[in-house]
Protein backbone atom coordinates (compact mmCIF):
# COMPACT_ATOMS: atom_id res chain seq x y z
CA UNK A 1 149.85 -136.77 -122.23
CA UNK A 2 148.38 -133.05 -123.74
CA UNK A 3 144.92 -135.05 -124.18
CA UNK A 4 144.74 -136.11 -120.57
CA UNK A 5 145.39 -132.92 -118.92
CA UNK A 6 142.68 -131.16 -120.93
CA UNK A 7 140.15 -133.89 -120.07
CA UNK A 8 141.13 -133.48 -116.09
CA UNK A 9 140.75 -129.33 -116.67
CA UNK A 10 137.14 -130.10 -118.11
CA UNK A 11 136.03 -132.26 -115.35
CA UNK A 12 137.20 -129.95 -112.24
CA UNK A 13 135.34 -127.30 -110.44
CA UNK A 14 131.38 -126.41 -111.07
CA UNK A 15 129.61 -124.79 -114.14
CA UNK A 16 127.69 -121.11 -113.94
CA UNK A 17 124.49 -122.79 -113.81
CA UNK A 18 125.48 -125.10 -110.75
CA UNK A 19 126.93 -122.16 -108.89
CA UNK A 20 123.58 -120.34 -109.52
CA UNK A 21 121.40 -123.08 -108.63
CA UNK A 22 123.57 -123.58 -105.43
CA UNK A 23 123.13 -119.73 -104.60
CA UNK A 24 119.57 -119.84 -105.20
CA UNK A 25 119.12 -122.99 -102.50
CA UNK A 26 121.34 -121.07 -100.09
CA UNK A 27 119.46 -117.80 -100.13
CA UNK A 28 116.11 -119.56 -99.90
CA UNK A 29 117.04 -121.67 -96.88
CA UNK A 30 118.40 -118.30 -95.24
CA UNK A 31 115.18 -116.73 -95.83
CA UNK A 32 113.23 -119.73 -94.19
CA UNK A 33 115.39 -119.51 -91.37
CA UNK A 34 115.36 -115.88 -90.80
CA UNK A 35 111.69 -115.84 -91.04
CA UNK A 36 111.55 -118.72 -88.64
CA UNK A 37 113.93 -116.41 -86.25
CA UNK A 38 111.74 -113.47 -86.60
CA UNK A 39 108.67 -115.16 -85.77
CA UNK A 40 110.14 -116.44 -82.50
CA UNK A 41 111.54 -113.00 -81.61
CA UNK A 42 107.85 -111.77 -82.24
CA UNK A 43 106.44 -114.49 -79.75
CA UNK A 44 109.05 -113.64 -77.32
CA UNK A 45 108.53 -109.75 -77.34
CA UNK A 46 105.00 -110.45 -77.13
CA UNK A 47 104.94 -112.75 -74.26
CA UNK A 48 107.15 -110.23 -72.54
CA UNK A 49 104.89 -107.51 -73.03
CA UNK A 50 102.11 -109.38 -71.75
CA UNK A 51 103.90 -110.77 -68.83
CA UNK A 52 104.90 -106.89 -67.97
CA UNK A 53 101.34 -105.36 -68.40
CA UNK A 54 99.73 -108.17 -66.27
CA UNK A 55 102.47 -107.44 -63.55
CA UNK A 56 101.74 -103.71 -63.93
CA UNK A 57 97.89 -104.37 -63.53
CA UNK A 58 98.14 -106.65 -60.53
CA UNK A 59 100.36 -104.15 -58.65
CA UNK A 60 97.70 -101.45 -59.43
CA UNK A 61 94.97 -103.72 -58.48
CA UNK A 62 96.75 -104.68 -54.88
CA UNK A 63 97.37 -101.44 -53.80
CA UNK A 64 93.74 -100.48 -54.67
CA UNK A 65 92.39 -103.30 -52.82
CA UNK A 66 94.44 -102.30 -49.80
CA UNK A 67 93.69 -98.89 -49.58
CA UNK A 68 89.52 -99.37 -50.58
CA UNK A 69 89.31 -101.87 -47.80
CA UNK A 70 90.44 -98.93 -45.33
CA UNK A 71 87.60 -96.71 -46.50
CA UNK A 72 85.49 -95.26 -43.34
CA UNK A 73 88.09 -96.50 -40.65
CA UNK A 74 87.47 -93.78 -37.71
CA UNK A 75 84.82 -91.89 -39.35
CA UNK A 76 81.15 -92.23 -39.40
CA UNK A 77 80.48 -93.27 -42.74
CA UNK A 78 81.95 -95.49 -45.20
CA UNK A 79 84.32 -93.00 -46.40
CA UNK A 80 83.37 -93.11 -50.17
CA UNK A 81 83.16 -89.51 -51.40
CA UNK A 82 80.46 -89.68 -53.53
CA UNK A 83 80.93 -86.27 -55.99
CA UNK A 84 84.43 -88.18 -57.13
CA UNK A 85 83.45 -92.05 -57.17
CA UNK A 86 81.66 -93.46 -60.22
CA UNK A 87 82.25 -96.57 -62.51
CA UNK A 88 85.49 -94.95 -63.87
CA UNK A 89 87.03 -93.45 -60.47
CA UNK A 90 86.57 -93.85 -56.62
CA UNK A 91 87.90 -91.50 -54.05
CA UNK A 92 88.00 -92.98 -50.43
CA UNK A 93 88.92 -91.45 -47.01
CA UNK A 94 89.96 -92.98 -44.08
CA UNK A 95 91.21 -91.37 -40.28
CA UNK A 96 94.29 -93.80 -40.21
CA UNK A 97 95.78 -92.11 -37.23
CA UNK A 98 92.40 -92.32 -35.40
CA UNK A 99 93.80 -93.98 -32.12
CA UNK A 100 97.80 -92.39 -31.94
CA UNK A 101 96.38 -89.17 -30.30
CA UNK A 102 97.96 -86.67 -32.58
CA UNK A 103 96.82 -83.43 -33.51
CA UNK A 104 95.14 -84.50 -36.72
CA UNK A 105 93.37 -87.80 -35.02
CA UNK A 106 90.11 -86.45 -35.22
CA UNK A 107 90.67 -85.15 -38.75
CA UNK A 108 91.25 -86.64 -42.13
CA UNK A 109 94.14 -84.21 -43.11
CA UNK A 110 97.15 -86.55 -43.29
CA UNK A 111 98.85 -87.89 -46.47
CA UNK A 112 97.37 -91.40 -47.56
CA UNK A 113 94.26 -90.61 -45.75
CA UNK A 114 92.11 -89.15 -48.66
CA UNK A 115 92.63 -90.87 -52.04
CA UNK A 116 91.47 -91.36 -55.59
CA UNK A 117 91.89 -93.60 -58.21
CA UNK A 118 91.17 -93.13 -61.70
CA UNK A 119 92.26 -94.17 -65.31
CA UNK A 120 93.79 -91.42 -67.09
CA UNK A 121 94.17 -91.52 -71.08
CA UNK A 122 96.92 -89.62 -72.61
CA UNK A 123 98.54 -89.54 -76.23
CA UNK A 124 96.69 -93.08 -76.95
CA UNK A 125 97.99 -94.66 -73.73
CA UNK A 126 96.09 -95.13 -70.42
CA UNK A 127 97.25 -95.05 -66.77
CA UNK A 128 96.07 -96.23 -63.50
CA UNK A 129 96.09 -93.21 -61.55
CA UNK A 130 96.58 -92.56 -57.55
CA UNK A 131 96.06 -89.20 -56.32
CA UNK A 132 96.73 -88.25 -52.58
CA UNK A 133 94.33 -85.18 -51.95
CA UNK A 134 95.83 -84.14 -48.91
CA UNK A 135 99.45 -83.71 -50.47
CA UNK A 136 98.60 -81.10 -52.97
CA UNK A 137 97.06 -84.13 -55.21
CA UNK A 138 100.20 -85.63 -55.74
CA UNK A 139 99.92 -87.94 -58.40
CA UNK A 140 101.38 -91.78 -58.61
CA UNK A 141 100.86 -93.90 -61.65
CA UNK A 142 100.33 -97.32 -60.56
CA UNK A 143 100.10 -98.90 -64.13
CA UNK A 144 101.07 -97.55 -67.37
CA UNK A 145 99.44 -100.74 -69.36
CA UNK A 146 95.74 -100.53 -68.30
CA UNK A 147 93.06 -100.38 -70.89
CA UNK A 148 89.84 -100.59 -68.90
CA UNK A 149 88.78 -99.79 -64.94
CA UNK A 150 85.42 -100.32 -64.01
CA UNK A 151 84.25 -100.52 -60.44
CA UNK A 152 80.97 -101.61 -59.17
CA UNK A 153 79.42 -100.35 -55.57
CA UNK A 154 76.87 -102.87 -53.50
CA UNK A 155 75.15 -102.82 -50.44
CA UNK A 156 76.16 -106.46 -49.71
CA UNK A 157 78.37 -109.16 -50.87
CA UNK A 158 77.40 -110.47 -54.32
CA UNK A 159 78.53 -113.25 -56.85
CA UNK A 160 79.38 -112.14 -59.83
CA UNK A 161 81.03 -113.52 -63.36
CA UNK A 162 83.91 -111.38 -65.21
CA UNK A 163 83.27 -110.71 -69.26
CA UNK A 164 84.04 -108.09 -71.43
CA UNK A 165 86.29 -106.25 -69.08
CA UNK A 166 83.10 -105.66 -66.82
CA UNK A 167 81.41 -107.77 -64.22
CA UNK A 168 77.86 -109.28 -64.37
CA UNK A 169 76.18 -110.30 -60.93
CA UNK A 170 74.69 -113.92 -61.13
CA UNK A 171 71.81 -113.10 -59.17
CA UNK A 172 70.97 -109.54 -61.10
CA UNK A 173 71.53 -107.40 -57.89
CA UNK A 174 71.83 -104.01 -58.72
CA UNK A 175 74.27 -101.30 -57.85
CA UNK A 176 73.27 -99.07 -54.59
CA UNK A 177 71.92 -95.74 -55.76
CA UNK A 178 73.54 -93.81 -52.89
CA UNK A 179 77.52 -94.35 -52.63
CA UNK A 180 77.14 -93.91 -48.78
CA UNK A 181 75.48 -97.07 -48.59
CA UNK A 182 77.97 -99.05 -50.64
CA UNK A 183 79.51 -101.83 -48.51
CA UNK A 184 81.19 -104.18 -51.10
CA UNK A 185 83.29 -102.91 -53.95
CA UNK A 186 84.01 -105.03 -57.09
CA UNK A 187 87.04 -103.26 -59.22
CA UNK A 188 87.86 -104.78 -62.50
CA UNK A 189 91.00 -103.95 -64.64
CA UNK A 190 91.56 -104.75 -68.28
CA UNK A 191 94.89 -105.17 -70.20
CA UNK A 192 94.37 -105.48 -73.83
CA UNK A 193 97.25 -106.49 -76.38
CA UNK A 194 97.04 -105.47 -80.09
CA UNK A 195 97.94 -108.09 -83.06
CA UNK A 196 101.36 -108.41 -84.22
CA UNK A 197 102.11 -109.19 -87.75
CA UNK A 198 99.18 -110.31 -90.00
CA UNK A 199 97.28 -113.40 -90.15
CA UNK A 200 99.26 -116.40 -91.57
CA UNK A 201 102.63 -114.96 -91.40
CA UNK A 202 105.34 -116.13 -89.23
CA UNK A 203 105.04 -115.07 -85.42
CA UNK A 204 101.45 -113.93 -85.52
CA UNK A 205 100.20 -112.94 -82.33
CA UNK A 206 96.34 -111.91 -82.36
CA UNK A 207 94.76 -109.37 -80.33
CA UNK A 208 94.09 -110.43 -76.62
CA UNK A 209 92.52 -109.14 -73.75
CA UNK A 210 93.23 -110.17 -70.11
CA UNK A 211 90.86 -109.05 -67.32
CA UNK A 212 91.76 -108.94 -63.63
CA UNK A 213 89.02 -108.62 -60.64
CA UNK A 214 89.06 -107.71 -57.02
CA UNK A 215 86.22 -107.68 -54.50
CA UNK A 216 86.66 -105.42 -51.42
CA UNK A 217 84.41 -105.51 -48.30
CA UNK A 218 84.64 -102.13 -46.24
CA UNK A 219 85.37 -103.64 -42.98
CA UNK A 220 86.09 -100.54 -41.31
CA UNK A 221 82.90 -98.72 -42.30
CA UNK A 222 80.90 -97.08 -39.28
CA UNK A 223 83.83 -98.65 -37.03
CA UNK A 224 83.73 -95.56 -34.59
CA UNK A 225 81.56 -92.37 -34.17
CA UNK A 226 83.52 -88.77 -33.88
């Protein structure tokens, strides 16, 4: 009887080596699972960042396009202020209440009638900024995730291709020398996202760049003479 009890006691439970092997396998599986989860979280965070950055840029481009298209309304020129307009900025004026019979109807002195857009960089970040000149240069940030802004000025409508955060005219047409001769504006925004993780690691996301463009015809230039 005692011999049988000793035999059963020896056969029950796990040995120390078996426990160590089981723990090692469990740790390896847990590490692999954590790596997969971390990679999935990286991908999700990157896609969220990408979507938010593009939404910001699209909103900024929409506002710019809408207001630039009004340049020159009720004026004798195209409304572009040459001294404040170049590749990285544009200032446009429009007499928006020209037909309303107000005291300022013959002046460009009300809010939203003299605005400037530019890319402002600070602290490693860059922003598309709108300045309302007639309200003490009130500043509005339209997008805070835009890395490049290029504005091109043409006398007529041109065909172009977008690349490297800028455009190239397919026919080689050059920009106007005088901004007062511009009738067609092309605005290009670029959103760049840095790499996440290291190559070969789970969830690695390479650096990427997305370009958005909008072309604007100054339909109201020279509409009326004042």
